[in-house]
Amino acid sequence: MIEVDPTKRISARDAMNHPWIKEAEEFHRQHTHQLDAAEQEEMSHKIVENLKNYRGESLLKKAAMNVLVKHLGPK
């Protein structure tokens, strides 16, 4: 799913049918009923925050690489 070249990238449909996703869905189905609504809401909030943090780290890494390329590249 993170393949840059769209011609090589797995489709959303294929990704949703991938065994890894199917197993995660089954795990979620089996364990979510054990959480109350407040716990599910907290878990959803944590997931969103983790995704935001990951994106922020990626942007920082990208910016750092741009700085390195500009300063270390050919003059």
PDB file of N, CA and C in Angstrom:
ATOM      1  N   MET A   1       0.818  -1.198   0.000  1.00  0.00           N
ATOM      2  CA  MET A   1       0.000   0.000   0.000  1.00  0.00           C
ATOM      3  C   MET A   1       0.857   1.255   0.000  1.00  0.00           C
ATOM      4  N   ILE A   2       2.106   1.148   0.422  1.00  0.00           N
ATOM      5  CA  ILE A   2       2.945   2.335   0.463  1.00  0.00           C
ATOM      6  C   ILE A   2       3.861   2.449  -0.748  1.00  0.00           C
ATOM      7  N   GLU A   3       3.647   1.588  -1.734  1.00  0.00           N
ATOM      8  CA  GLU A   3       4.428   1.630  -2.970  1.00  0.00           C
ATOM      9  C   GLU A   3       4.193   2.969  -3.660  1.00  0.00           C
ATOM     10  N   VAL A   4       5.266   3.667  -3.997  1.00  0.00           N
ATOM     11  CA  VAL A   4       5.155   4.981  -4.626  1.00  0.00           C
ATOM     12  C   VAL A   4       4.585   4.881  -6.037  1.00  0.00           C
ATOM     13  N   ASP A   5       5.028   3.895  -6.786  1.00  0.00           N
ATOM     14  CA  ASP A   5       4.573   3.723  -8.165  1.00  0.00           C
ATOM     15  C   ASP A   5       3.146   3.151  -8.162  1.00  0.00           C
ATOM     16  N   PRO A   6       2.164   3.939  -8.627  1.00  0.00           N
ATOM     17  CA  PRO A   6       0.774   3.469  -8.576  1.00  0.00           C
ATOM     18  C   PRO A   6       0.515   2.217  -9.417  1.00  0.00           C
ATOM     19  N   THR A   7       1.334   1.983 -10.426  1.00  0.00           N
ATOM     20  CA  THR A   7       1.127   0.781 -11.241  1.00  0.00           C
ATOM     21  C   THR A   7       1.541  -0.485 -10.498  1.00  0.00           C
ATOM     22  N   LYS A   8       2.373  -0.338  -9.469  1.00  0.00           N
ATOM     23  CA  LYS A   8       2.828  -1.484  -8.679  1.00  0.00           C
ATOM     24  C   LYS A   8       2.059  -1.620  -7.359  1.00  0.00           C
ATOM     25  N   ARG A   9       1.321  -0.572  -7.012  1.00  0.00           N
ATOM     26  CA  ARG A   9       0.627  -0.513  -5.729  1.00  0.00           C
ATOM     27  C   ARG A   9      -0.592  -1.415  -5.728  1.00  0.00           C
ATOM     28  N   ILE A  10      -0.825  -2.079  -4.613  1.00  0.00           N
ATOM     29  CA  ILE A  10      -2.011  -2.919  -4.428  1.00  0.00           C
ATOM     30  C   ILE A  10      -3.253  -2.018  -4.411  1.00  0.00           C
ATOM     31  N   SER A  11      -4.328  -2.498  -4.974  1.00  0.00           N
ATOM     32  CA  SER A  11      -5.567  -1.706  -4.985  1.00  0.00           C
ATOM     33  C   SER A  11      -6.203  -1.730  -3.601  1.00  0.00           C
ATOM     34  N   ALA A  12      -7.085  -0.785  -3.360  1.00  0.00           N
ATOM     35  CA  ALA A  12      -7.789  -0.740  -2.072  1.00  0.00           C
ATOM     36  C   ALA A  12      -8.615  -2.014  -1.878  1.00  0.00           C
ATOM     37  N   ARG A  13      -9.262  -2.469  -2.942  1.00  0.00           N
ATOM     38  CA  ARG A  13     -10.072  -3.689  -2.857  1.00  0.00           C
ATOM     39  C   ARG A  13      -9.196  -4.892  -2.489  1.00  0.00           C
ATOM     40  N   ASP A  14      -8.045  -5.026  -3.180  1.00  0.00           N
ATOM     41  CA  ASP A  14      -7.138  -6.138  -2.870  1.00  0.00           C
ATOM     42  C   ASP A  14      -6.581  -6.023  -1.455  1.00  0.00           C
ATOM     43  N   ALA A  15      -6.302  -4.808  -1.032  1.00  0.00           N
ATOM     44  CA  ALA A  15      -5.788  -4.602   0.317  1.00  0.00           C
ATOM     45  C   ALA A  15      -6.821  -5.039   1.362  1.00  0.00           C
ATOM     46  N   MET A  16      -8.079  -4.671   1.130  1.00  0.00           N
ATOM     47  CA  MET A  16      -9.132  -5.033   2.085  1.00  0.00           C
ATOM     48  C   MET A  16      -9.388  -6.535   2.109  1.00  0.00           C
ATOM     49  N   ASN A  17      -9.023  -7.234   1.050  1.00  0.00           N
ATOM     50  CA  ASN A  17      -9.194  -8.688   0.994  1.00  0.00           C
ATOM     51  C   ASN A  17      -7.929  -9.451   1.370  1.00  0.00           C
ATOM     52  N   HIS A  18      -6.876  -8.719   1.704  1.00  0.00           N
ATOM     53  CA  HIS A  18      -5.608  -9.354   2.078  1.00  0.00           C
ATOM     54  C   HIS A  18      -5.785 -10.109   3.400  1.00  0.00           C
ATOM     55  N   PRO A  19      -5.158 -11.292   3.526  1.00  0.00           N
ATOM     56  CA  PRO A  19      -5.294 -12.073   4.768  1.00  0.00           C
ATOM     57  C   PRO A  19      -4.917 -11.288   6.023  1.00  0.00           C
ATOM     58  N   TRP A  20      -3.945 -10.402   5.934  1.00  0.00           N
ATOM     59  CA  TRP A  20      -3.523  -9.628   7.107  1.00  0.00           C
ATOM     60  C   TRP A  20      -4.677  -8.754   7.601  1.00  0.00           C
ATOM     61  N   ILE A  21      -5.381  -8.106   6.670  1.00  0.00           N
ATOM     62  CA  ILE A  21      -6.522  -7.260   7.036  1.00  0.00           C
ATOM     63  C   ILE A  21      -7.673  -8.121   7.541  1.00  0.00           C
ATOM     64  N   LYS A  22      -7.928  -9.228   6.865  1.00  0.00           N
ATOM     65  CA  LYS A  22      -9.010 -10.130   7.284  1.00  0.00           C
ATOM     66  C   LYS A  22      -8.771 -10.649   8.702  1.00  0.00           C
ATOM     67  N   GLU A  23      -7.525 -11.017   8.998  1.00  0.00           N
ATOM     68  CA  GLU A  23      -7.203 -11.501  10.351  1.00  0.00           C
ATOM     69  C   GLU A  23      -7.384 -10.397  11.384  1.00  0.00           C
ATOM     70  N   ALA A  24      -6.999  -9.173  11.022  1.00  0.00           N
ATOM     71  CA  ALA A  24      -7.172  -8.040  11.937  1.00  0.00           C
ATOM     72  C   ALA A  24      -8.657  -7.773  12.191  1.00  0.00           C
ATOM     73  N   GLU A  25      -9.468  -7.879  11.139  1.00  0.00           N
ATOM     74  CA  GLU A  25     -10.912  -7.689  11.298  1.00  0.00           C
ATOM     75  C   GLU A  25     -11.501  -8.745  12.235  1.00  0.00           C
ATOM     76  N   GLU A  26     -11.069  -9.976  12.056  1.00  0.00           N
ATOM     77  CA  GLU A  26     -11.575 -11.060  12.905  1.00  0.00           C
ATOM     78  C   GLU A  26     -11.157 -10.842  14.359  1.00  0.00           C
ATOM     79  N   PHE A  27      -9.908 -10.467  14.560  1.00  0.00           N
ATOM     80  CA  PHE A  27      -9.423 -10.181  15.911  1.00  0.00           C
ATOM     81  C   PHE A  27     -10.249  -9.059  16.534  1.00  0.00           C
ATOM     82  N   HIS A  28     -10.471  -8.006  15.752  1.00  0.00           N
ATOM     83  CA  HIS A  28     -11.260  -6.871  16.232  1.00  0.00           C
ATOM     84  C   HIS A  28     -12.676  -7.314  16.605  1.00  0.00           C
ATOM     85  N   ARG A  29     -13.283  -8.127  15.752  1.00  0.00           N
ATOM     86  CA  ARG A  29     -14.632  -8.625  16.014  1.00  0.00           C
ATOM     87  C   ARG A  29     -14.686  -9.433  17.312  1.00  0.00           C
ATOM     88  N   GLN A  30     -13.669 -10.245  17.534  1.00  0.00           N
ATOM     89  CA  GLN A  30     -13.653 -11.108  18.712  1.00  0.00           C
ATOM     90  C   GLN A  30     -13.396 -10.343  20.008  1.00  0.00           C
ATOM     91  N   HIS A  31     -12.666  -9.237  19.914  1.00  0.00           N
ATOM     92  CA  HIS A  31     -12.251  -8.560  21.137  1.00  0.00           C
ATOM     93  C   HIS A  31     -12.969  -7.250  21.418  1.00  0.00           C
ATOM     94  N   THR A  32     -13.577  -6.635  20.420  1.00  0.00           N
ATOM     95  CA  THR A  32     -14.230  -5.343  20.630  1.00  0.00           C
ATOM     96  C   THR A  32     -15.424  -5.458  21.556  1.00  0.00           C
ATOM     97  N   HIS A  33     -16.147  -6.544  21.468  1.00  0.00           N
ATOM     98  CA  HIS A  33     -17.335  -6.685  22.313  1.00  0.00           C
ATOM     99  C   HIS A  33     -16.969  -6.685  23.796  1.00  0.00           C
ATOM    100  N   GLN A  34     -15.710  -6.907  24.110  1.00  0.00           N
ATOM    101  CA  GLN A  34     -15.268  -6.921  25.498  1.00  0.00           C
ATOM    102  C   GLN A  34     -15.031  -5.509  26.037  1.00  0.00           C
ATOM    103  N   LEU A  35     -15.026  -4.513  25.148  1.00  0.00           N
ATOM    104  CA  LEU A  35     -14.801  -3.137  25.559  1.00  0.00           C
ATOM    105  C   LEU A  35     -16.126  -2.400  25.645  1.00  0.00           C
ATOM    106  N   ASP A  36     -16.252  -1.535  26.644  1.00  0.00           N
ATOM    107  CA  ASP A  36     -17.457  -0.722  26.695  1.00  0.00           C
ATOM    108  C   ASP A  36     -17.285   0.476  25.756  1.00  0.00           C
ATOM    109  N   ALA A  37     -18.320   1.257  25.591  1.00  0.00           N
ATOM    110  CA  ALA A  37     -18.310   2.363  24.633  1.00  0.00           C
ATOM    111  C   ALA A  37     -17.209   3.373  24.938  1.00  0.00           C
ATOM    112  N   ALA A  38     -16.974   3.682  26.208  1.00  0.00           N
ATOM    113  CA  ALA A  38     -15.943   4.654  26.581  1.00  0.00           C
ATOM    114  C   ALA A  38     -14.551   4.128  26.219  1.00  0.00           C
ATOM    115  N   GLU A  39     -14.330   2.838  26.442  1.00  0.00           N
ATOM    116  CA  GLU A  39     -13.035   2.237  26.104  1.00  0.00           C
ATOM    117  C   GLU A  39     -12.823   2.215  24.593  1.00  0.00           C
ATOM    118  N   GLN A  40     -13.879   1.932  23.837  1.00  0.00           N
ATOM    119  CA  GLN A  40     -13.776   1.944  22.378  1.00  0.00           C
ATOM    120  C   GLN A  40     -13.468   3.349  21.871  1.00  0.00           C
ATOM    121  N   GLU A  41     -14.110   4.348  22.464  1.00  0.00           N
ATOM    122  CA  GLU A  41     -13.864   5.742  22.081  1.00  0.00           C
ATOM    123  C   GLU A  41     -12.420   6.128  22.386  1.00  0.00           C
ATOM    124  N   GLU A  42     -11.931   5.736  23.549  1.00  0.00           N
ATOM    125  CA  GLU A  42     -10.539   6.042  23.925  1.00  0.00           C
ATOM    126  C   GLU A  42      -9.566   5.369  22.955  1.00  0.00           C
ATOM    127  N   MET A  43      -9.841   4.118  22.598  1.00  0.00           N
ATOM    128  CA  MET A  43      -8.971   3.406  21.679  1.00  0.00           C
ATOM    129  C   MET A  43      -8.970   4.083  20.314  1.00  0.00           C
ATOM    130  N   SER A  44     -10.130   4.499  19.839  1.00  0.00           N
ATOM    131  CA  SER A  44     -10.226   5.185  18.549  1.00  0.00           C
ATOM    132  C   SER A  44      -9.429   6.483  18.583  1.00  0.00           C
ATOM    133  N   HIS A  45      -9.533   7.219  19.680  1.00  0.00           N
ATOM    134  CA  HIS A  45      -8.793   8.476  19.834  1.00  0.00           C
ATOM    135  C   HIS A  45      -7.288   8.211  19.796  1.00  0.00           C
ATOM    136  N   LYS A  46      -6.837   7.165  20.482  1.00  0.00           N
ATOM    137  CA  LYS A  46      -5.415   6.830  20.496  1.00  0.00           C
ATOM    138  C   LYS A  46      -4.917   6.455  19.109  1.00  0.00           C
ATOM    139  N   ILE A  47      -5.720   5.733  18.361  1.00  0.00           N
ATOM    140  CA  ILE A  47      -5.336   5.341  17.002  1.00  0.00           C
ATOM    141  C   ILE A  47      -5.156   6.581  16.132  1.00  0.00           C
ATOM    142  N   VAL A  48      -6.106   7.503  16.208  1.00  0.00           N
ATOM    143  CA  VAL A  48      -6.020   8.733  15.418  1.00  0.00           C
ATOM    144  C   VAL A  48      -4.784   9.534  15.824  1.00  0.00           C
ATOM    145  N   GLU A  49      -4.526   9.643  17.103  1.00  0.00           N
ATOM    146  CA  GLU A  49      -3.349  10.381  17.575  1.00  0.00           C
ATOM    147  C   GLU A  49      -2.062   9.725  17.093  1.00  0.00           C
ATOM    148  N   ASN A  50      -1.997   8.399  17.126  1.00  0.00           N
ATOM    149  CA  ASN A  50      -0.808   7.696  16.639  1.00  0.00           C
ATOM    150  C   ASN A  50      -0.586   7.955  15.154  1.00  0.00           C
ATOM    151  N   LEU A  51      -1.666   7.959  14.380  1.00  0.00           N
ATOM    152  CA  LEU A  51      -1.540   8.244  12.951  1.00  0.00           C
ATOM    153  C   LEU A  51      -1.064   9.678  12.716  1.00  0.00           C
ATOM    154  N   LYS A  52      -1.586  10.623  13.492  1.00  0.00           N
ATOM    155  CA  LYS A  52      -1.149  12.016  13.366  1.00  0.00           C
ATOM    156  C   LYS A  52       0.330  12.138  13.718  1.00  0.00           C
ATOM    157  N   ASN A  53       0.748  11.465  14.789  1.00  0.00           N
ATOM    158  CA  ASN A  53       2.148  11.526  15.203  1.00  0.00           C
ATOM    159  C   ASN A  53       3.051  10.911  14.144  1.00  0.00           C
ATOM    160  N   TYR A  54       2.633   9.803  13.560  1.00  0.00           N
ATOM    161  CA  TYR A  54       3.420   9.155  12.514  1.00  0.00           C
ATOM    162  C   TYR A  54       3.573  10.094  11.328  1.00  0.00           C
ATOM    163  N   ARG A  55       2.490  10.728  10.935  1.00  0.00           N
ATOM    164  CA  ARG A  55       2.539  11.659   9.803  1.00  0.00           C
ATOM    165  C   ARG A  55       3.489  12.808  10.117  1.00  0.00           C
ATOM    166  N   GLY A  56       3.415  13.321  11.339  1.00  0.00           N
ATOM    167  CA  GLY A  56       4.306  14.406  11.744  1.00  0.00           C
ATOM    168  C   GLY A  56       5.767  13.989  11.696  1.00  0.00           C
ATOM    169  N   GLU A  57       6.060  12.771  12.144  1.00  0.00           N
ATOM    170  CA  GLU A  57       7.431  12.274  12.106  1.00  0.00           C
ATOM    171  C   GLU A  57       7.890  12.134  10.662  1.00  0.00           C
ATOM    172  N   SER A  58       7.002  11.665   9.804  1.00  0.00           N
ATOM    173  CA  SER A  58       7.354  11.501   8.396  1.00  0.00           C
ATOM    174  C   SER A  58       7.659  12.853   7.761  1.00  0.00           C
ATOM    175  N   LEU A  59       6.851  13.856   8.084  1.00  0.00           N
ATOM    176  CA  LEU A  59       7.088  15.193   7.539  1.00  0.00           C
ATOM    177  C   LEU A  59       8.402  15.754   8.044  1.00  0.00           C
ATOM    178  N   LEU A  60       8.721  15.512   9.307  1.00  0.00           N
ATOM    179  CA  LEU A  60       9.989  15.983   9.870  1.00  0.00           C
ATOM    180  C   LEU A  60      11.156  15.283   9.185  1.00  0.00           C
ATOM    181  N   LYS A  61      11.051  13.980   8.987  1.00  0.00           N
ATOM    182  CA  LYS A  61      12.116  13.238   8.301  1.00  0.00           C
ATOM    183  C   LYS A  61      12.299  13.759   6.879  1.00  0.00           C
ATOM    184  N   LYS A  62      11.199  14.031   6.203  1.00  0.00           N
ATOM    185  CA  LYS A  62      11.265  14.534   4.832  1.00  0.00           C
ATOM    186  C   LYS A  62      11.947  15.902   4.809  1.00  0.00           C
ATOM    187  N   ALA A  63      11.578  16.760   5.740  1.00  0.00           N
ATOM    188  CA  ALA A  63      12.185  18.087   5.808  1.00  0.00           C
ATOM    189  C   ALA A  63      13.679  17.981   6.108  1.00  0.00           C
ATOM    190  N   ALA A  64      14.043  17.084   7.015  1.00  0.00           N
ATOM    191  CA  ALA A  64      15.453  16.901   7.355  1.00  0.00           C
ATOM    192  C   ALA A  64      16.240  16.411   6.146  1.00  0.00           C
ATOM    193  N   MET A  65      15.667  15.493   5.394  1.00  0.00           N
ATOM    194  CA  MET A  65      16.341  14.996   4.191  1.00  0.00           C
ATOM    195  C   MET A  65      16.513  16.119   3.169  1.00  0.00           C
ATOM    196  N   ASN A  66      15.520  16.973   3.020  1.00  0.00           N
ATOM    197  CA  ASN A  66      15.635  18.113   2.098  1.00  0.00           C
ATOM    198  C   ASN A  66      16.764  19.038   2.505  1.00  0.00           C
ATOM    199  N   VAL A  67      16.898  19.293   3.789  1.00  0.00           N
ATOM    200  CA  VAL A  67      17.978  20.149   4.288  1.00  0.00           C
ATOM    201  C   VAL A  67      19.316  19.494   3.979  1.00  0.00           C
ATOM    202  N   LEU A  68      19.434  18.195   4.256  1.00  0.00           N
ATOM    203  CA  LEU A  68      20.696  17.500   3.986  1.00  0.00           C
ATOM    204  C   LEU A  68      21.044  17.536   2.506  1.00  0.00           C
ATOM    205  N   VAL A  69      20.069  17.303   1.666  1.00  0.00           N
ATOM    206  CA  VAL A  69      20.327  17.314   0.222  1.00  0.00           C
ATOM    207  C   VAL A  69      20.800  18.690  -0.228  1.00  0.00           C
ATOM    208  N   LYS A  70      20.161  19.722   0.273  1.00  0.00           N
ATOM    209  CA  LYS A  70      20.536  21.088  -0.126  1.00  0.00           C
ATOM    210  C   LYS A  70      21.938  21.442   0.345  1.00  0.00           C
ATOM    211  N   HIS A  71      22.299  21.007   1.551  1.00  0.00           N
ATOM    212  CA  HIS A  71      23.599  21.392   2.111  1.00  0.00           C
ATOM    213  C   HIS A  71      24.719  20.457   1.694  1.00  0.00           C
ATOM    214  N   LEU A  72      24.418  19.208   1.389  1.00  0.00           N
ATOM    215  CA  LEU A  72      25.448  18.257   1.047  1.00  0.00           C
ATOM    216  C   LEU A  72      25.518  17.973  -0.451  1.00  0.00           C
ATOM    217  N   GLY A  73      24.538  18.469  -1.187  1.00  0.00           N
ATOM    218  CA  GLY A  73      24.496  18.220  -2.623  1.00  0.00           C
ATOM    219  C   GLY A  73      25.585  18.971  -3.367  1.00  0.00           C
ATOM    220  N   PRO A  74      25.685  18.742  -4.670  1.00  0.00           N
ATOM    221  CA  PRO A  74      26.716  19.413  -5.461  1.00  0.00           C
ATOM    222  C   PRO A  74      26.536  20.927  -5.423  1.00  0.00           C
ATOM    223  N   LYS A  75      27.652  21.603  -5.424  1.00  0.00           N
ATOM    224  CA  LYS A  75      27.615  23.077  -5.351  1.00  0.00           C
ATOM    225  C   LYS A  75      27.858  23.678  -6.711  1.00  0.00           C
TER     226      LYS A  75
END
